[in-house]
N, C-alpha and C. Protein backbone atom coordinates (compact mmCIF):
# COMPACT_ATOMS: atom_id res chain seq x y z
N MET A 1 -13.62 10.32 8.65
CA MET A 1 -12.71 11.44 8.71
C MET A 1 -12.89 12.26 7.43
N ASP A 2 -13.06 13.57 7.58
CA ASP A 2 -13.25 14.39 6.39
C ASP A 2 -11.93 14.55 5.64
N ALA A 3 -12.02 14.98 4.39
CA ALA A 3 -10.86 15.04 3.50
C ALA A 3 -9.77 15.95 4.04
N LYS A 4 -10.13 17.08 4.62
CA LYS A 4 -9.14 18.03 5.14
C LYS A 4 -8.35 17.42 6.30
N LYS A 5 -9.05 16.79 7.23
CA LYS A 5 -8.37 16.15 8.36
C LYS A 5 -7.48 15.01 7.90
N LYS A 6 -7.99 14.25 6.91
CA LYS A 6 -7.21 13.14 6.38
C LYS A 6 -5.95 13.65 5.69
N GLU A 7 -6.10 14.71 4.92
CA GLU A 7 -4.94 15.31 4.24
C GLU A 7 -3.90 15.79 5.26
N GLU A 8 -4.35 16.44 6.31
CA GLU A 8 -3.43 16.91 7.36
C GLU A 8 -2.74 15.75 8.05
N ARG A 9 -3.47 14.68 8.28
CA ARG A 9 -2.86 13.50 8.92
C ARG A 9 -1.79 12.90 8.02
N TYR A 10 -2.09 12.77 6.72
CA TYR A 10 -1.07 12.26 5.79
C TYR A 10 0.16 13.17 5.78
N HIS A 11 -0.05 14.46 5.86
CA HIS A 11 1.07 15.40 5.87
C HIS A 11 1.95 15.17 7.11
N ARG A 12 1.33 14.99 8.27
CA ARG A 12 2.09 14.75 9.50
C ARG A 12 2.84 13.41 9.44
N ILE A 13 2.18 12.39 8.91
CA ILE A 13 2.82 11.07 8.78
C ILE A 13 4.01 11.17 7.83
N ALA A 14 3.84 11.88 6.72
CA ALA A 14 4.94 12.03 5.75
C ALA A 14 6.12 12.75 6.39
N ALA A 15 5.86 13.77 7.17
CA ALA A 15 6.94 14.50 7.83
C ALA A 15 7.70 13.58 8.80
N GLN A 16 6.97 12.77 9.55
CA GLN A 16 7.60 11.84 10.47
C GLN A 16 8.42 10.81 9.71
N LEU A 17 7.86 10.25 8.65
CA LEU A 17 8.57 9.25 7.87
C LEU A 17 9.77 9.83 7.14
N GLU A 18 9.68 11.07 6.72
CA GLU A 18 10.81 11.70 6.04
C GLU A 18 12.04 11.68 6.94
N GLU A 19 11.85 11.99 8.21
CA GLU A 19 12.96 11.97 9.16
C GLU A 19 13.49 10.54 9.35
N LEU A 20 12.59 9.60 9.51
CA LEU A 20 12.99 8.22 9.78
C LEU A 20 13.65 7.55 8.57
N LEU A 21 13.16 7.85 7.38
CA LEU A 21 13.63 7.15 6.18
C LEU A 21 14.85 7.77 5.53
N LYS A 22 15.26 8.95 5.98
CA LYS A 22 16.43 9.58 5.35
C LYS A 22 17.73 8.92 5.79
N LYS A 23 17.66 8.17 6.87
CA LYS A 23 18.83 7.42 7.32
C LYS A 23 19.06 6.26 6.37
N ASP A 24 20.31 5.88 6.24
CA ASP A 24 20.61 4.73 5.39
C ASP A 24 19.95 3.49 5.97
N GLY A 25 19.49 2.66 5.11
CA GLY A 25 18.86 1.41 5.53
C GLY A 25 18.52 0.61 4.29
N ASP A 26 18.32 -0.67 4.48
CA ASP A 26 17.98 -1.45 3.29
C ASP A 26 16.49 -1.33 2.99
N THR A 27 16.11 -1.83 1.86
CA THR A 27 14.74 -1.70 1.36
C THR A 27 13.72 -2.28 2.33
N ILE A 28 13.97 -3.50 2.80
CA ILE A 28 13.01 -4.17 3.69
C ILE A 28 12.85 -3.37 4.99
N SER A 29 13.95 -2.88 5.52
CA SER A 29 13.90 -2.08 6.74
C SER A 29 13.07 -0.82 6.54
N LYS A 30 13.26 -0.15 5.42
CA LYS A 30 12.49 1.07 5.14
C LYS A 30 11.01 0.75 4.98
N MET A 31 10.70 -0.34 4.29
CA MET A 31 9.30 -0.74 4.12
C MET A 31 8.67 -1.05 5.48
N ALA A 32 9.40 -1.76 6.33
CA ALA A 32 8.88 -2.11 7.66
C ALA A 32 8.61 -0.86 8.48
N THR A 33 9.52 0.10 8.42
CA THR A 33 9.34 1.35 9.16
C THR A 33 8.12 2.11 8.66
N LEU A 34 7.98 2.19 7.35
CA LEU A 34 6.85 2.90 6.76
C LEU A 34 5.53 2.29 7.22
N VAL A 35 5.43 0.99 7.14
CA VAL A 35 4.18 0.31 7.53
C VAL A 35 3.93 0.46 9.03
N ALA A 36 4.97 0.36 9.84
CA ALA A 36 4.81 0.47 11.29
C ALA A 36 4.31 1.85 11.71
N VAL A 37 4.72 2.88 10.99
CA VAL A 37 4.26 4.24 11.30
C VAL A 37 2.86 4.48 10.72
N LEU A 38 2.65 4.08 9.50
CA LEU A 38 1.40 4.39 8.79
C LEU A 38 0.18 3.63 9.32
N HIS A 39 0.32 2.34 9.48
CA HIS A 39 -0.85 1.49 9.78
C HIS A 39 -1.67 1.93 11.01
N PRO A 40 -1.05 2.15 12.16
CA PRO A 40 -1.87 2.48 13.33
C PRO A 40 -2.43 3.90 13.35
N LYS A 41 -1.96 4.75 12.44
CA LYS A 41 -2.40 6.14 12.45
C LYS A 41 -3.60 6.42 11.56
N MET A 42 -4.01 5.43 10.79
CA MET A 42 -5.16 5.63 9.90
C MET A 42 -6.26 4.66 10.32
N PRO A 43 -7.33 5.16 10.92
CA PRO A 43 -8.34 4.28 11.50
C PRO A 43 -9.07 3.40 10.49
N HIS A 44 -9.05 3.76 9.22
CA HIS A 44 -9.75 2.95 8.23
C HIS A 44 -8.86 1.89 7.59
N PHE A 45 -7.60 1.76 8.05
CA PHE A 45 -6.69 0.75 7.52
C PHE A 45 -6.86 -0.55 8.31
N PHE A 46 -7.17 -1.63 7.62
CA PHE A 46 -7.35 -2.95 8.21
C PHE A 46 -6.08 -3.79 8.01
N TRP A 47 -5.47 -3.66 6.84
CA TRP A 47 -4.24 -4.37 6.49
C TRP A 47 -3.39 -3.40 5.68
N THR A 48 -2.11 -3.28 6.04
CA THR A 48 -1.22 -2.35 5.37
C THR A 48 0.10 -3.06 5.12
N GLY A 49 0.51 -3.17 3.87
CA GLY A 49 1.77 -3.85 3.63
C GLY A 49 2.24 -3.77 2.19
N PHE A 50 3.36 -4.38 1.99
CA PHE A 50 3.99 -4.41 0.67
C PHE A 50 3.94 -5.81 0.08
N TYR A 51 3.79 -5.84 -1.23
CA TYR A 51 4.07 -7.04 -2.00
C TYR A 51 5.23 -6.67 -2.90
N ARG A 52 6.35 -7.39 -2.73
CA ARG A 52 7.55 -7.12 -3.50
C ARG A 52 7.52 -7.90 -4.80
N LEU A 53 7.95 -7.27 -5.87
CA LEU A 53 8.01 -7.92 -7.18
C LEU A 53 9.36 -8.62 -7.27
N VAL A 54 9.34 -9.93 -7.18
CA VAL A 54 10.55 -10.75 -7.25
C VAL A 54 10.44 -11.59 -8.51
N ASN A 55 11.29 -11.27 -9.49
CA ASN A 55 11.13 -11.80 -10.84
C ASN A 55 9.74 -11.39 -11.31
N THR A 56 8.83 -12.33 -11.49
CA THR A 56 7.47 -11.95 -11.88
C THR A 56 6.45 -12.23 -10.77
N ASP A 57 6.95 -12.64 -9.61
CA ASP A 57 6.06 -12.98 -8.50
C ASP A 57 5.87 -11.80 -7.56
N LEU A 58 4.68 -11.71 -6.97
CA LEU A 58 4.40 -10.74 -5.92
C LEU A 58 4.43 -11.48 -4.59
N ILE A 59 5.49 -11.19 -3.81
CA ILE A 59 5.77 -11.88 -2.56
C ILE A 59 5.50 -10.91 -1.41
N ALA A 60 4.82 -11.39 -0.36
CA ALA A 60 4.52 -10.55 0.79
C ALA A 60 5.81 -10.00 1.39
N GLY A 61 5.80 -8.70 1.66
CA GLY A 61 6.90 -8.04 2.34
C GLY A 61 6.41 -7.60 3.71
N PRO A 62 7.04 -6.62 4.29
CA PRO A 62 6.60 -6.14 5.60
C PRO A 62 5.13 -5.70 5.56
N TYR A 63 4.39 -6.10 6.59
CA TYR A 63 2.98 -5.70 6.68
C TYR A 63 2.54 -5.70 8.12
N GLN A 64 1.38 -5.06 8.35
CA GLN A 64 0.70 -5.09 9.64
C GLN A 64 -0.76 -5.39 9.38
N GLY A 65 -1.33 -6.21 10.24
CA GLY A 65 -2.70 -6.64 10.10
C GLY A 65 -2.75 -8.15 10.14
N PRO A 66 -3.89 -8.73 9.75
CA PRO A 66 -4.02 -10.19 9.76
C PRO A 66 -3.03 -10.85 8.80
N VAL A 67 -2.87 -12.15 8.96
CA VAL A 67 -1.97 -12.92 8.09
C VAL A 67 -2.32 -12.69 6.63
N ALA A 68 -1.29 -12.50 5.82
CA ALA A 68 -1.46 -12.18 4.40
C ALA A 68 -1.26 -13.41 3.53
N CYS A 69 -1.71 -13.31 2.29
CA CYS A 69 -1.33 -14.28 1.27
C CYS A 69 0.18 -14.11 1.07
N GLN A 70 0.94 -15.17 1.12
CA GLN A 70 2.39 -15.06 1.00
C GLN A 70 2.85 -14.76 -0.42
N MET A 71 2.15 -15.33 -1.40
CA MET A 71 2.45 -15.06 -2.80
C MET A 71 1.11 -14.91 -3.53
N LEU A 72 1.03 -13.90 -4.37
CA LEU A 72 -0.22 -13.66 -5.10
C LEU A 72 -0.18 -14.32 -6.47
N ASP A 73 -1.34 -14.71 -6.93
CA ASP A 73 -1.49 -15.29 -8.25
C ASP A 73 -0.90 -14.36 -9.30
N ARG A 74 -0.24 -14.92 -10.28
CA ARG A 74 0.43 -14.12 -11.32
C ARG A 74 -0.51 -13.48 -12.32
N SER A 75 -1.76 -13.87 -12.32
CA SER A 75 -2.63 -13.39 -13.40
C SER A 75 -3.88 -12.65 -12.94
N LYS A 76 -4.03 -12.44 -11.62
CA LYS A 76 -5.24 -11.76 -11.17
C LYS A 76 -4.99 -10.96 -9.91
N GLY A 77 -5.99 -10.20 -9.50
CA GLY A 77 -5.92 -9.44 -8.27
C GLY A 77 -5.61 -7.97 -8.49
N VAL A 78 -5.90 -7.18 -7.47
CA VAL A 78 -5.70 -5.72 -7.53
C VAL A 78 -4.21 -5.40 -7.59
N CYS A 79 -3.40 -6.11 -6.81
CA CYS A 79 -1.96 -5.83 -6.83
C CYS A 79 -1.36 -6.11 -8.20
N ARG A 80 -1.76 -7.20 -8.83
CA ARG A 80 -1.26 -7.52 -10.18
C ARG A 80 -1.74 -6.47 -11.18
N ALA A 81 -2.97 -6.01 -11.05
CA ALA A 81 -3.47 -4.95 -11.93
C ALA A 81 -2.64 -3.68 -11.77
N CYS A 82 -2.25 -3.37 -10.53
CA CYS A 82 -1.41 -2.20 -10.28
C CYS A 82 -0.06 -2.35 -10.97
N VAL A 83 0.51 -3.54 -10.90
CA VAL A 83 1.79 -3.81 -11.58
C VAL A 83 1.61 -3.68 -13.08
N ASP A 84 0.57 -4.29 -13.63
CA ASP A 84 0.35 -4.27 -15.08
C ASP A 84 0.08 -2.86 -15.60
N ARG A 85 -0.68 -2.08 -14.86
CA ARG A 85 -1.03 -0.71 -15.29
C ARG A 85 0.02 0.31 -14.88
N CYS A 86 0.81 -0.05 -13.87
CA CYS A 86 1.84 0.84 -13.31
C CYS A 86 1.22 2.16 -12.84
N GLU A 87 0.08 2.03 -12.15
CA GLU A 87 -0.60 3.20 -11.60
C GLU A 87 -1.38 2.78 -10.36
N SER A 88 -1.66 3.75 -9.51
CA SER A 88 -2.44 3.50 -8.30
C SER A 88 -3.86 3.09 -8.67
N ILE A 89 -4.41 2.21 -7.85
CA ILE A 89 -5.78 1.72 -8.08
C ILE A 89 -6.56 1.81 -6.78
N ILE A 90 -7.74 2.41 -6.85
CA ILE A 90 -8.67 2.47 -5.73
C ILE A 90 -9.83 1.55 -6.05
N VAL A 91 -10.14 0.63 -5.13
CA VAL A 91 -11.23 -0.32 -5.33
C VAL A 91 -12.25 -0.11 -4.22
N PRO A 92 -13.40 0.49 -4.53
CA PRO A 92 -14.42 0.77 -3.50
C PRO A 92 -15.04 -0.49 -2.88
N ASP A 93 -15.14 -1.57 -3.70
CA ASP A 93 -15.74 -2.82 -3.26
C ASP A 93 -14.95 -3.96 -3.89
N VAL A 94 -14.15 -4.66 -3.09
CA VAL A 94 -13.28 -5.70 -3.64
C VAL A 94 -14.06 -6.83 -4.29
N GLU A 95 -15.28 -7.07 -3.83
CA GLU A 95 -16.09 -8.14 -4.42
C GLU A 95 -16.47 -7.82 -5.87
N ALA A 96 -16.47 -6.55 -6.23
CA ALA A 96 -16.83 -6.14 -7.59
C ALA A 96 -15.62 -6.08 -8.52
N PHE A 97 -14.41 -6.30 -7.97
CA PHE A 97 -13.20 -6.24 -8.81
C PHE A 97 -12.96 -7.60 -9.44
N PRO A 98 -12.94 -7.67 -10.78
CA PRO A 98 -12.73 -8.96 -11.45
C PRO A 98 -11.38 -9.58 -11.05
N GLY A 99 -11.41 -10.82 -10.58
CA GLY A 99 -10.19 -11.52 -10.22
C GLY A 99 -9.64 -11.18 -8.86
N HIS A 100 -10.42 -10.51 -8.02
CA HIS A 100 -9.96 -10.16 -6.67
C HIS A 100 -9.48 -11.42 -5.95
N ILE A 101 -8.36 -11.31 -5.23
CA ILE A 101 -7.82 -12.42 -4.45
C ILE A 101 -8.20 -12.19 -2.98
N PRO A 102 -9.09 -13.01 -2.44
CA PRO A 102 -9.55 -12.80 -1.06
C PRO A 102 -8.60 -13.41 -0.03
N CYS A 103 -7.59 -12.65 0.39
CA CYS A 103 -6.68 -13.14 1.44
C CYS A 103 -7.37 -13.13 2.80
N ASP A 104 -8.31 -12.22 3.00
CA ASP A 104 -9.07 -12.14 4.24
C ASP A 104 -10.48 -11.66 3.89
N SER A 105 -11.47 -12.43 4.23
CA SER A 105 -12.85 -12.11 3.85
C SER A 105 -13.36 -10.82 4.50
N ARG A 106 -12.68 -10.32 5.50
CA ARG A 106 -13.11 -9.08 6.15
C ARG A 106 -12.74 -7.84 5.34
N SER A 107 -11.83 -7.96 4.40
CA SER A 107 -11.45 -6.83 3.55
C SER A 107 -12.59 -6.49 2.61
N LYS A 108 -12.95 -5.21 2.59
CA LYS A 108 -14.09 -4.76 1.77
C LYS A 108 -13.68 -3.79 0.67
N SER A 109 -12.65 -2.97 0.91
CA SER A 109 -12.17 -2.04 -0.11
C SER A 109 -10.65 -2.00 -0.02
N GLU A 110 -10.02 -1.42 -1.07
CA GLU A 110 -8.57 -1.53 -1.17
C GLU A 110 -8.00 -0.38 -2.00
N ILE A 111 -6.76 -0.04 -1.69
CA ILE A 111 -5.99 0.89 -2.52
C ILE A 111 -4.60 0.29 -2.68
N VAL A 112 -4.06 0.36 -3.89
CA VAL A 112 -2.74 -0.19 -4.17
C VAL A 112 -1.94 0.88 -4.91
N ILE A 113 -0.71 1.11 -4.42
CA ILE A 113 0.17 2.15 -4.95
C ILE A 113 1.45 1.50 -5.47
N PRO A 114 1.87 1.79 -6.72
CA PRO A 114 3.13 1.22 -7.22
C PRO A 114 4.34 1.85 -6.52
N VAL A 115 5.39 1.04 -6.36
CA VAL A 115 6.64 1.49 -5.73
C VAL A 115 7.76 1.30 -6.75
N HIS A 116 8.47 2.38 -7.03
CA HIS A 116 9.56 2.34 -8.00
C HIS A 116 10.91 2.56 -7.32
N ASP A 117 11.96 2.01 -7.92
CA ASP A 117 13.30 2.29 -7.41
C ASP A 117 13.79 3.59 -8.05
N ASN A 118 15.01 3.97 -7.72
CA ASN A 118 15.57 5.23 -8.23
C ASN A 118 15.76 5.24 -9.74
N ASN A 119 15.73 4.07 -10.37
CA ASN A 119 15.86 3.98 -11.83
C ASN A 119 14.51 3.93 -12.52
N GLY A 120 13.44 4.03 -11.76
CA GLY A 120 12.10 4.01 -12.34
C GLY A 120 11.51 2.62 -12.52
N ASN A 121 12.21 1.59 -12.06
CA ASN A 121 11.71 0.22 -12.17
C ASN A 121 10.69 -0.07 -11.07
N LEU A 122 9.60 -0.70 -11.43
CA LEU A 122 8.60 -1.09 -10.44
C LEU A 122 9.17 -2.25 -9.62
N VAL A 123 9.24 -2.09 -8.30
CA VAL A 123 9.84 -3.10 -7.44
C VAL A 123 8.87 -3.69 -6.41
N ALA A 124 7.75 -3.03 -6.21
CA ALA A 124 6.79 -3.48 -5.20
C ALA A 124 5.50 -2.69 -5.36
N VAL A 125 4.51 -3.07 -4.57
CA VAL A 125 3.29 -2.28 -4.44
C VAL A 125 2.98 -2.15 -2.95
N LEU A 126 2.44 -1.00 -2.57
CA LEU A 126 1.88 -0.83 -1.23
C LEU A 126 0.41 -1.16 -1.35
N ASP A 127 -0.04 -2.11 -0.55
CA ASP A 127 -1.42 -2.57 -0.57
C ASP A 127 -2.05 -2.22 0.77
N VAL A 128 -3.17 -1.50 0.74
CA VAL A 128 -3.88 -1.16 1.96
C VAL A 128 -5.33 -1.60 1.80
N ASP A 129 -5.81 -2.39 2.76
CA ASP A 129 -7.19 -2.87 2.76
C ASP A 129 -7.93 -2.22 3.92
N SER A 130 -9.25 -2.11 3.75
CA SER A 130 -10.13 -1.65 4.81
C SER A 130 -11.25 -2.65 4.99
N ASP A 131 -11.77 -2.73 6.19
CA ASP A 131 -12.92 -3.58 6.45
C ASP A 131 -14.23 -2.82 6.24
N GLN A 132 -14.12 -1.65 5.59
CA GLN A 132 -15.28 -0.83 5.24
C GLN A 132 -15.36 -0.68 3.72
N LEU A 133 -16.54 -0.63 3.18
CA LEU A 133 -16.71 -0.32 1.76
C LEU A 133 -16.37 1.15 1.51
N ASN A 134 -15.89 1.45 0.32
CA ASN A 134 -15.61 2.83 -0.10
C ASN A 134 -14.74 3.61 0.89
N ALA A 135 -13.74 2.94 1.45
CA ALA A 135 -12.92 3.58 2.49
C ALA A 135 -11.85 4.51 1.93
N PHE A 136 -11.51 4.37 0.64
CA PHE A 136 -10.39 5.12 0.07
C PHE A 136 -10.86 6.09 -1.01
N ASP A 137 -10.16 7.22 -1.08
CA ASP A 137 -10.51 8.24 -2.06
C ASP A 137 -9.24 8.88 -2.61
N GLU A 138 -9.39 9.96 -3.34
CA GLU A 138 -8.25 10.64 -3.94
C GLU A 138 -7.31 11.24 -2.89
N THR A 139 -7.83 11.59 -1.73
CA THR A 139 -6.98 12.09 -0.65
C THR A 139 -6.03 10.99 -0.19
N ASP A 140 -6.55 9.76 -0.06
CA ASP A 140 -5.69 8.63 0.29
C ASP A 140 -4.65 8.38 -0.80
N ARG A 141 -5.09 8.40 -2.04
CA ARG A 141 -4.16 8.15 -3.15
C ARG A 141 -3.02 9.17 -3.12
N ALA A 142 -3.34 10.44 -3.04
CA ALA A 142 -2.32 11.48 -3.05
C ALA A 142 -1.40 11.36 -1.83
N GLY A 143 -1.98 11.13 -0.66
CA GLY A 143 -1.19 11.00 0.55
C GLY A 143 -0.25 9.80 0.51
N LEU A 144 -0.76 8.67 0.06
CA LEU A 144 0.06 7.47 0.00
C LEU A 144 1.13 7.57 -1.08
N GLU A 145 0.82 8.17 -2.21
CA GLU A 145 1.83 8.34 -3.25
C GLU A 145 2.96 9.24 -2.75
N LYS A 146 2.63 10.26 -2.01
CA LYS A 146 3.67 11.14 -1.44
C LYS A 146 4.54 10.36 -0.44
N ILE A 147 3.91 9.56 0.37
CA ILE A 147 4.65 8.77 1.36
C ILE A 147 5.53 7.73 0.67
N ILE A 148 5.03 7.06 -0.35
CA ILE A 148 5.83 6.06 -1.07
C ILE A 148 7.05 6.72 -1.72
N ALA A 149 6.91 7.94 -2.19
CA ALA A 149 8.04 8.64 -2.81
C ALA A 149 9.20 8.83 -1.83
N LEU A 150 8.92 8.80 -0.54
CA LEU A 150 9.96 8.96 0.48
C LEU A 150 10.89 7.75 0.58
N LEU A 151 10.45 6.61 0.05
CA LEU A 151 11.29 5.41 0.14
C LEU A 151 12.59 5.57 -0.64
N ALA A 152 12.53 6.18 -1.81
CA ALA A 152 13.73 6.38 -2.65
C ALA A 152 14.61 5.15 -2.67
N LEU A 153 14.07 4.06 -3.16
CA LEU A 153 14.78 2.77 -3.18
C LEU A 153 15.83 2.70 -4.27
């Protein structure tokens, strides 16, 4: 999918989610809704979900795709790097990322977006995997960051 079409698709998804997420609901419900809308609409998404930061642990939250790692190692992986850096991370080839945690060997590339609450505290990460190398780019980063901002936790 070219960048323009991808950008337009993210815009349409964001508009749909804006309507759905403006209703009151708890955090887990909003995360589940976001993943349920987002995952099937992006053909390069293999696994789409949240890892919630509970104390210092990253615990699987709502997701779609194959079975996930329920808890991630505290010292390695793309999701932990996102938490430590507090910024989005695009990984073109997960095998080349130092400390990558292989929850599913079919995952080839990944993007992880930090999720903050209304006070600016990091509370989770959105993790999206693809079964293709180099599946994510700056269009994905910008689109997903805009969508995550709709959570307003």
